[in-house]
Amino acid sequence: MSVRQQGSTLVLEGDCPVEDAEMLADLLRDPSIDGIDWTGAQRVHTAVVQLAILAQLPVAGPCGDGFVARWIEPQMVAAAGGKG
C-alpha cells in the first residue's frame, strides 16, 4: 500500500494509483491528521492529487512525481499562504 499514516502525517510512497484514493479519503477523516508527506511518491494518480488538494493540509515537498511537483504543488502552497 502506498498510503500510510505515520503519527499525524499521511505518507504517500512509490506509485499511488487510483485504488489508493479510497484509503486516502478514509484516512483524511481523522481530525488528528495535520499534513501530507509525498516526497517519496513516484507517480500520483489525479484522484489522489484531488484529495490532497481538497484536504487543504500542508504538504511536505517536493512531491516525488515531477509533474505534480512542477505544476500542482506550487498552486497548493500558494493557496495555503506559502505553508507547504
PDB file of N, CA and C in Angstrom:
ATOM      1  N   MET A   1       0.852  -1.179   0.000  1.00  0.00           N
ATOM      2  CA  MET A   1       0.000   0.000   0.000  1.00  0.00           C
ATOM      3  C   MET A   1       0.893   1.235   0.000  1.00  0.00           C
ATOM      4  N   SER A   2       0.568   2.203  -0.801  1.00  0.00           N
ATOM      5  CA  SER A   2       1.408   3.382  -0.932  1.00  0.00           C
ATOM      6  C   SER A   2       0.964   4.546  -0.059  1.00  0.00           C
ATOM      7  N   VAL A   3      -0.126   4.368   0.692  1.00  0.00           N
ATOM      8  CA  VAL A   3      -0.613   5.397   1.604  1.00  0.00           C
ATOM      9  C   VAL A   3      -0.606   4.822   3.012  1.00  0.00           C
ATOM     10  N   ARG A   4       0.051   5.544   3.928  1.00  0.00           N
ATOM     11  CA  ARG A   4       0.060   5.086   5.320  1.00  0.00           C
ATOM     12  C   ARG A   4       0.081   6.289   6.241  1.00  0.00           C
ATOM     13  N   GLN A   5      -0.333   6.042   7.465  1.00  0.00           N
ATOM     14  CA  GLN A   5      -0.323   7.088   8.481  1.00  0.00           C
ATOM     15  C   GLN A   5       0.911   6.913   9.351  1.00  0.00           C
ATOM     16  N   GLN A   6       1.629   7.998   9.568  1.00  0.00           N
ATOM     17  CA  GLN A   6       2.787   7.994  10.452  1.00  0.00           C
ATOM     18  C   GLN A   6       2.569   9.146  11.429  1.00  0.00           C
ATOM     19  N   GLY A   7       2.092   8.805  12.608  1.00  0.00           N
ATOM     20  CA  GLY A   7       1.733   9.845  13.570  1.00  0.00           C
ATOM     21  C   GLY A   7       0.566  10.647  13.036  1.00  0.00           C
ATOM     22  N   SER A   8       0.747  11.949  12.955  1.00  0.00           N
ATOM     23  CA  SER A   8      -0.324  12.816  12.448  1.00  0.00           C
ATOM     24  C   SER A   8      -0.135  13.179  10.975  1.00  0.00           C
ATOM     25  N   THR A   9       0.787  12.489  10.318  1.00  0.00           N
ATOM     26  CA  THR A   9       1.082  12.767   8.906  1.00  0.00           C
ATOM     27  C   THR A   9       0.689  11.580   8.038  1.00  0.00           C
ATOM     28  N   LEU A  10       0.132  11.869   6.879  1.00  0.00           N
ATOM     29  CA  LEU A  10      -0.125  10.833   5.884  1.00  0.00           C
ATOM     30  C   LEU A  10       1.053  10.798   4.933  1.00  0.00           C
ATOM     31  N   VAL A  11       1.588   9.616   4.698  1.00  0.00           N
ATOM     32  CA  VAL A  11       2.764   9.443   3.866  1.00  0.00           C
ATOM     33  C   VAL A  11       2.348   8.721   2.583  1.00  0.00           C
ATOM     34  N   LEU A  12       2.707   9.319   1.443  1.00  0.00           N
ATOM     35  CA  LEU A  12       2.468   8.710   0.136  1.00  0.00           C
ATOM     36  C   LEU A  12       3.816   8.283  -0.413  1.00  0.00           C
ATOM     37  N   GLU A  13       3.912   7.003  -0.825  1.00  0.00           N
ATOM     38  CA  GLU A  13       5.181   6.451  -1.282  1.00  0.00           C
ATOM     39  C   GLU A  13       4.993   5.656  -2.566  1.00  0.00           C
ATOM     40  N   GLY A  14       6.034   5.632  -3.390  1.00  0.00           N
ATOM     41  CA  GLY A  14       6.007   4.824  -4.613  1.00  0.00           C
ATOM     42  C   GLY A  14       4.904   5.263  -5.552  1.00  0.00           C
ATOM     43  N   ASP A  15       4.296   4.294  -6.231  1.00  0.00           N
ATOM     44  CA  ASP A  15       3.170   4.586  -7.114  1.00  0.00           C
ATOM     45  C   ASP A  15       1.905   4.702  -6.276  1.00  0.00           C
ATOM     46  N   CYS A  16       1.135   5.745  -6.507  1.00  0.00           N
ATOM     47  CA  CYS A  16      -0.121   5.971  -5.795  1.00  0.00           C
ATOM     48  C   CYS A  16      -1.253   5.910  -6.818  1.00  0.00           C
ATOM     49  N   PRO A  17      -1.746   4.701  -7.119  1.00  0.00           N
ATOM     50  CA  PRO A  17      -2.778   4.534  -8.148  1.00  0.00           C
ATOM     51  C   PRO A  17      -4.150   4.976  -7.655  1.00  0.00           C
ATOM     52  N   VAL A  18      -5.100   4.979  -8.556  1.00  0.00           N
ATOM     53  CA  VAL A  18      -6.462   5.402  -8.241  1.00  0.00           C
ATOM     54  C   VAL A  18      -7.039   4.584  -7.083  1.00  0.00           C
ATOM     55  N   GLU A  19      -6.637   3.335  -6.960  1.00  0.00           N
ATOM     56  CA  GLU A  19      -7.160   2.487  -5.882  1.00  0.00           C
ATOM     57  C   GLU A  19      -6.799   3.030  -4.498  1.00  0.00           C
ATOM     58  N   ASP A  20      -5.757   3.831  -4.407  1.00  0.00           N
ATOM     59  CA  ASP A  20      -5.355   4.392  -3.112  1.00  0.00           C
ATOM     60  C   ASP A  20      -6.196   5.591  -2.704  1.00  0.00           C
ATOM     61  N   ALA A  21      -6.976   6.135  -3.614  1.00  0.00           N
ATOM     62  CA  ALA A  21      -7.789   7.304  -3.293  1.00  0.00           C
ATOM     63  C   ALA A  21      -8.794   7.000  -2.178  1.00  0.00           C
ATOM     64  N   GLU A  22      -9.387   5.816  -2.211  1.00  0.00           N
ATOM     65  CA  GLU A  22     -10.369   5.471  -1.184  1.00  0.00           C
ATOM     66  C   GLU A  22      -9.717   5.394   0.195  1.00  0.00           C
ATOM     67  N   MET A  23      -8.556   4.771   0.279  1.00  0.00           N
ATOM     68  CA  MET A  23      -7.860   4.692   1.561  1.00  0.00           C
ATOM     69  C   MET A  23      -7.462   6.083   2.047  1.00  0.00           C
ATOM     70  N   LEU A  24      -6.977   6.915   1.133  1.00  0.00           N
ATOM     71  CA  LEU A  24      -6.597   8.273   1.497  1.00  0.00           C
ATOM     72  C   LEU A  24      -7.805   9.043   2.019  1.00  0.00           C
ATOM     73  N   ALA A  25      -8.939   8.909   1.360  1.00  0.00           N
ATOM     74  CA  ALA A  25     -10.160   9.583   1.806  1.00  0.00           C
ATOM     75  C   ALA A  25     -10.536   9.136   3.215  1.00  0.00           C
ATOM     76  N   ASP A  26     -10.431   7.850   3.488  1.00  0.00           N
ATOM     77  CA  ASP A  26     -10.737   7.337   4.823  1.00  0.00           C
ATOM     78  C   ASP A  26      -9.786   7.910   5.864  1.00  0.00           C
ATOM     79  N   LEU A  27      -8.499   7.934   5.548  1.00  0.00           N
ATOM     80  CA  LEU A  27      -7.507   8.449   6.498  1.00  0.00           C
ATOM     81  C   LEU A  27      -7.670   9.950   6.727  1.00  0.00           C
ATOM     82  N   LEU A  28      -8.103  10.675   5.721  1.00  0.00           N
ATOM     83  CA  LEU A  28      -8.289  12.117   5.867  1.00  0.00           C
ATOM     84  C   LEU A  28      -9.466  12.477   6.776  1.00  0.00           C
ATOM     85  N   ARG A  29     -10.297  11.518   7.094  1.00  0.00           N
ATOM     86  CA  ARG A  29     -11.409  11.773   8.017  1.00  0.00           C
ATOM     87  C   ARG A  29     -10.937  11.907   9.469  1.00  0.00           C
ATOM     88  N   ASP A  30      -9.725  11.476   9.737  1.00  0.00           N
ATOM     89  CA  ASP A  30      -9.155  11.555  11.088  1.00  0.00           C
ATOM     90  C   ASP A  30      -8.767  13.008  11.373  1.00  0.00           C
ATOM     91  N   PRO A  31      -9.398  13.637  12.361  1.00  0.00           N
ATOM     92  CA  PRO A  31      -9.109  15.052  12.628  1.00  0.00           C
ATOM     93  C   PRO A  31      -7.693  15.307  13.154  1.00  0.00           C
ATOM     94  N   SER A  32      -6.979  14.262  13.558  1.00  0.00           N
ATOM     95  CA  SER A  32      -5.620  14.462  14.062  1.00  0.00           C
ATOM     96  C   SER A  32      -4.592  14.592  12.933  1.00  0.00           C
ATOM     97  N   ILE A  33      -4.997  14.302  11.695  1.00  0.00           N
ATOM     98  CA  ILE A  33      -4.079  14.417  10.556  1.00  0.00           C
ATOM     99  C   ILE A  33      -3.811  15.895  10.299  1.00  0.00           C
ATOM    100  N   ASP A  34      -2.523  16.248  10.271  1.00  0.00           N
ATOM    101  CA  ASP A  34      -2.189  17.658  10.085  1.00  0.00           C
ATOM    102  C   ASP A  34      -1.229  17.914   8.927  1.00  0.00           C
ATOM    103  N   GLY A  35      -0.971  16.907   8.102  1.00  0.00           N
ATOM    104  CA  GLY A  35      -0.099  17.128   6.959  1.00  0.00           C
ATOM    105  C   GLY A  35       0.042  15.899   6.088  1.00  0.00           C
ATOM    106  N   ILE A  36       0.582  16.123   4.901  1.00  0.00           N
ATOM    107  CA  ILE A  36       0.812  15.054   3.934  1.00  0.00           C
ATOM    108  C   ILE A  36       2.271  15.134   3.488  1.00  0.00           C
ATOM    109  N   ASP A  37       2.941  14.000   3.531  1.00  0.00           N
ATOM    110  CA  ASP A  37       4.322  13.914   3.045  1.00  0.00           C
ATOM    111  C   ASP A  37       4.319  13.050   1.795  1.00  0.00           C
ATOM    112  N   TRP A  38       4.581  13.667   0.664  1.00  0.00           N
ATOM    113  CA  TRP A  38       4.588  12.914  -0.587  1.00  0.00           C
ATOM    114  C   TRP A  38       5.937  12.987  -1.275  1.00  0.00           C
ATOM    115  N   THR A  39       6.968  13.236  -0.501  1.00  0.00           N
ATOM    116  CA  THR A  39       8.311  13.292  -1.075  1.00  0.00           C
ATOM    117  C   THR A  39       8.739  11.939  -1.647  1.00  0.00           C
ATOM    118  N   GLY A  40       8.214  10.842  -1.113  1.00  0.00           N
ATOM    119  CA  GLY A  40       8.576   9.511  -1.581  1.00  0.00           C
ATOM    120  C   GLY A  40       7.675   8.968  -2.666  1.00  0.00           C
ATOM    121  N   ALA A  41       6.687   9.755  -3.080  1.00  0.00           N
ATOM    122  CA  ALA A  41       5.777   9.300  -4.136  1.00  0.00           C
ATOM    123  C   ALA A  41       6.463   9.436  -5.489  1.00  0.00           C
ATOM    124  N   GLN A  42       6.307   8.418  -6.328  1.00  0.00           N
ATOM    125  CA  GLN A  42       6.905   8.470  -7.661  1.00  0.00           C
ATOM    126  C   GLN A  42       5.897   8.856  -8.732  1.00  0.00           C
ATOM    127  N   ARG A  43       4.712   8.275  -8.639  1.00  0.00           N
ATOM    128  CA  ARG A  43       3.618   8.627  -9.551  1.00  0.00           C
ATOM    129  C   ARG A  43       2.355   8.738  -8.722  1.00  0.00           C
ATOM    130  N   VAL A  44       1.639   9.834  -8.875  1.00  0.00           N
ATOM    131  CA  VAL A  44       0.440  10.079  -8.085  1.00  0.00           C
ATOM    132  C   VAL A  44      -0.741  10.248  -9.037  1.00  0.00           C
ATOM    133  N   HIS A  45      -1.733   9.379  -8.903  1.00  0.00           N
ATOM    134  CA  HIS A  45      -2.928   9.457  -9.749  1.00  0.00           C
ATOM    135  C   HIS A  45      -3.680  10.744  -9.437  1.00  0.00           C
ATOM    136  N   THR A  46      -4.342  11.291 -10.440  1.00  0.00           N
ATOM    137  CA  THR A  46      -5.049  12.557 -10.251  1.00  0.00           C
ATOM    138  C   THR A  46      -6.125  12.486  -9.165  1.00  0.00           C
ATOM    139  N   ALA A  47      -6.738  11.323  -8.953  1.00  0.00           N
ATOM    140  CA  ALA A  47      -7.731  11.204  -7.879  1.00  0.00           C
ATOM    141  C   ALA A  47      -7.079  11.417  -6.515  1.00  0.00           C
ATOM    142  N   VAL A  48      -5.872  10.922  -6.354  1.00  0.00           N
ATOM    143  CA  VAL A  48      -5.131  11.099  -5.104  1.00  0.00           C
ATOM    144  C   VAL A  48      -4.732  12.564  -4.949  1.00  0.00           C
ATOM    145  N   VAL A  49      -4.294  13.177  -6.032  1.00  0.00           N
ATOM    146  CA  VAL A  49      -3.931  14.598  -6.006  1.00  0.00           C
ATOM    147  C   VAL A  49      -5.148  15.445  -5.633  1.00  0.00           C
ATOM    148  N   GLN A  50      -6.290  15.138  -6.213  1.00  0.00           N
ATOM    149  CA  GLN A  50      -7.502  15.904  -5.924  1.00  0.00           C
ATOM    150  C   GLN A  50      -7.862  15.833  -4.448  1.00  0.00           C
ATOM    151  N   LEU A  51      -7.715  14.670  -3.841  1.00  0.00           N
ATOM    152  CA  LEU A  51      -7.989  14.545  -2.402  1.00  0.00           C
ATOM    153  C   LEU A  51      -6.999  15.360  -1.583  1.00  0.00           C
ATOM    154  N   ALA A  52      -5.744  15.357  -1.988  1.00  0.00           N
ATOM    155  CA  ALA A  52      -4.737  16.150  -1.285  1.00  0.00           C
ATOM    156  C   ALA A  52      -5.072  17.640  -1.377  1.00  0.00           C
ATOM    157  N   ILE A  53      -5.537  18.069  -2.537  1.00  0.00           N
ATOM    158  CA  ILE A  53      -5.928  19.469  -2.705  1.00  0.00           C
ATOM    159  C   ILE A  53      -7.124  19.791  -1.815  1.00  0.00           C
ATOM    160  N   LEU A  54      -8.137  18.936  -1.848  1.00  0.00           N
ATOM    161  CA  LEU A  54      -9.347  19.171  -1.052  1.00  0.00           C
ATOM    162  C   LEU A  54      -9.074  19.157   0.443  1.00  0.00           C
ATOM    163  N   ALA A  55      -8.088  18.400   0.873  1.00  0.00           N
ATOM    164  CA  ALA A  55      -7.773  18.304   2.299  1.00  0.00           C
ATOM    165  C   ALA A  55      -7.272  19.631   2.855  1.00  0.00           C
ATOM    166  N   GLN A  56      -6.672  20.449   2.015  1.00  0.00           N
ATOM    167  CA  GLN A  56      -6.132  21.747   2.411  1.00  0.00           C
ATOM    168  C   GLN A  56      -5.184  21.630   3.601  1.00  0.00           C
ATOM    169  N   LEU A  57      -4.348  20.604   3.564  1.00  0.00           N
ATOM    170  CA  LEU A  57      -3.341  20.396   4.604  1.00  0.00           C
ATOM    171  C   LEU A  57      -1.975  20.786   4.054  1.00  0.00           C
ATOM    172  N   PRO A  58      -1.050  21.153   4.927  1.00  0.00           N
ATOM    173  CA  PRO A  58       0.314  21.401   4.453  1.00  0.00           C
ATOM    174  C   PRO A  58       0.896  20.126   3.855  1.00  0.00           C
ATOM    175  N   VAL A  59       1.667  20.290   2.790  1.00  0.00           N
ATOM    176  CA  VAL A  59       2.318  19.149   2.152  1.00  0.00           C
ATOM    177  C   VAL A  59       3.832  19.305   2.265  1.00  0.00           C
ATOM    178  N   ALA A  60       4.483  18.205   2.623  1.00  0.00           N
ATOM    179  CA  ALA A  60       5.942  18.173   2.622  1.00  0.00           C
ATOM    180  C   ALA A  60       6.364  17.880   1.200  1.00  0.00           C
ATOM    181  N   GLY A  61       7.207  18.689   0.681  1.00  0.00           N
ATOM    182  CA  GLY A  61       7.595  18.501  -0.702  1.00  0.00           C
ATOM    183  C   GLY A  61       9.064  18.734  -0.887  1.00  0.00           C
ATOM    184  N   PRO A  62       9.511  18.621  -2.081  1.00  0.00           N
ATOM    185  CA  PRO A  62       8.695  18.492  -3.277  1.00  0.00           C
ATOM    186  C   PRO A  62       8.160  17.080  -3.459  1.00  0.00           C
ATOM    187  N   CYS A  63       7.035  17.005  -4.132  1.00  0.00           N
ATOM    188  CA  CYS A  63       6.448  15.714  -4.453  1.00  0.00           C
ATOM    189  C   CYS A  63       7.409  14.956  -5.360  1.00  0.00           C
ATOM    190  N   GLY A  64       7.519  13.656  -5.140  1.00  0.00           N
ATOM    191  CA  GLY A  64       8.389  12.827  -5.962  1.00  0.00           C
ATOM    192  C   GLY A  64       7.908  12.656  -7.393  1.00  0.00           C
ATOM    193  N   ASP A  65       6.634  12.955  -7.648  1.00  0.00           N
ATOM    194  CA  ASP A  65       6.080  12.928  -9.006  1.00  0.00           C
ATOM    195  C   ASP A  65       6.407  14.278  -9.633  1.00  0.00           C
ATOM    196  N   GLY A  66       7.268  14.274 -10.636  1.00  0.00           N
ATOM    197  CA  GLY A  66       7.743  15.511 -11.235  1.00  0.00           C
ATOM    198  C   GLY A  66       6.650  16.419 -11.762  1.00  0.00           C
ATOM    199  N   PHE A  67       5.614  15.837 -12.365  1.00  0.00           N
ATOM    200  CA  PHE A  67       4.514  16.650 -12.887  1.00  0.00           C
ATOM    201  C   PHE A  67       3.796  17.372 -11.753  1.00  0.00           C
ATOM    202  N   VAL A  68       3.489  16.631 -10.698  1.00  0.00           N
ATOM    203  CA  VAL A  68       2.799  17.221  -9.548  1.00  0.00           C
ATOM    204  C   VAL A  68       3.677  18.296  -8.899  1.00  0.00           C
ATOM    205  N   ALA A  69       4.963  17.998  -8.741  1.00  0.00           N
ATOM    206  CA  ALA A  69       5.880  18.948  -8.113  1.00  0.00           C
ATOM    207  C   ALA A  69       5.968  20.255  -8.905  1.00  0.00           C
ATOM    208  N   ARG A  70       5.956  20.131 -10.213  1.00  0.00           N
ATOM    209  CA  ARG A  70       6.131  21.323 -11.046  1.00  0.00           C
ATOM    210  C   ARG A  70       4.854  22.120 -11.243  1.00  0.00           C
ATOM    211  N   TRP A  71       3.732  21.448 -11.460  1.00  0.00           N
ATOM    212  CA  TRP A  71       2.523  22.146 -11.877  1.00  0.00           C
ATOM    213  C   TRP A  71       1.439  22.279 -10.815  1.00  0.00           C
ATOM    214  N   ILE A  72       1.380  21.352  -9.889  1.00  0.00           N
ATOM    215  CA  ILE A  72       0.262  21.357  -8.933  1.00  0.00           C
ATOM    216  C   ILE A  72       0.694  21.831  -7.552  1.00  0.00           C
ATOM    217  N   GLU A  73       1.785  21.297  -7.063  1.00  0.00           N
ATOM    218  CA  GLU A  73       2.224  21.633  -5.709  1.00  0.00           C
ATOM    219  C   GLU A  73       2.420  23.135  -5.488  1.00  0.00           C
ATOM    220  N   PRO A  74       3.023  23.878  -6.419  1.00  0.00           N
ATOM    221  CA  PRO A  74       3.175  25.317  -6.184  1.00  0.00           C
ATOM    222  C   PRO A  74       1.837  26.034  -5.973  1.00  0.00           C
ATOM    223  N   GLN A  75       0.797  25.588  -6.675  1.00  0.00           N
ATOM    224  CA  GLN A  75      -0.526  26.187  -6.505  1.00  0.00           C
ATOM    225  C   GLN A  75      -1.106  25.848  -5.128  1.00  0.00           C
ATOM    226  N   MET A  76      -0.846  24.635  -4.655  1.00  0.00           N
ATOM    227  CA  MET A  76      -1.322  24.239  -3.332  1.00  0.00           C
ATOM    228  C   MET A  76      -0.634  25.062  -2.255  1.00  0.00           C
ATOM    229  N   VAL A  77       0.662  25.252  -2.396  1.00  0.00           N
ATOM    230  CA  VAL A  77       1.420  26.026  -1.417  1.00  0.00           C
ATOM    231  C   VAL A  77       0.962  27.483  -1.424  1.00  0.00           C
ATOM    232  N   ALA A  78       0.742  28.033  -2.612  1.00  0.00           N
ATOM    233  CA  ALA A  78       0.277  29.414  -2.710  1.00  0.00           C
ATOM    234  C   ALA A  78      -1.098  29.572  -2.068  1.00  0.00           C
ATOM    235  N   ALA A  79      -1.984  28.606  -2.295  1.00  0.00           N
ATOM    236  CA  ALA A  79      -3.323  28.664  -1.719  1.00  0.00           C
ATOM    237  C   ALA A  79      -3.292  28.554  -0.196  1.00  0.00           C
ATOM    238  N   ALA A  80      -2.268  27.875   0.322  1.00  0.00           N
ATOM    239  CA  ALA A  80      -2.140  27.712   1.775  1.00  0.00           C
ATOM    240  C   ALA A  80      -1.378  28.884   2.392  1.00  0.00           C
ATOM    241  N   GLY A  81      -1.139  29.914   1.619  1.00  0.00           N
ATOM    242  CA  GLY A  81      -0.444  31.079   2.134  1.00  0.00           C
ATOM    243  C   GLY A  81       1.052  30.874   2.282  1.00  0.00           C
ATOM    244  N   GLY A  82       1.606  30.000   1.422  1.00  0.00           N
ATOM    245  CA  GLY A  82       3.047  29.752   1.449  1.00  0.00           C
ATOM    246  C   GLY A  82       3.464  28.671   2.405  1.00  0.00           C
ATOM    247  N   LYS A  83       2.505  28.023   3.074  1.00  0.00           N
ATOM    248  CA  LYS A  83       2.840  26.942   4.015  1.00  0.00           C
ATOM    249  C   LYS A  83       2.727  25.619   3.300  1.00  0.00           C
ATOM    250  N   GLY A  84       3.832  24.939   3.176  1.00  0.00           N
ATOM    251  CA  GLY A  84       3.751  23.659   2.488  1.00  0.00           C
ATOM    252  C   GLY A  84       5.011  22.893   2.538  1.00  0.00           C
TER     253      GLY A  84
END
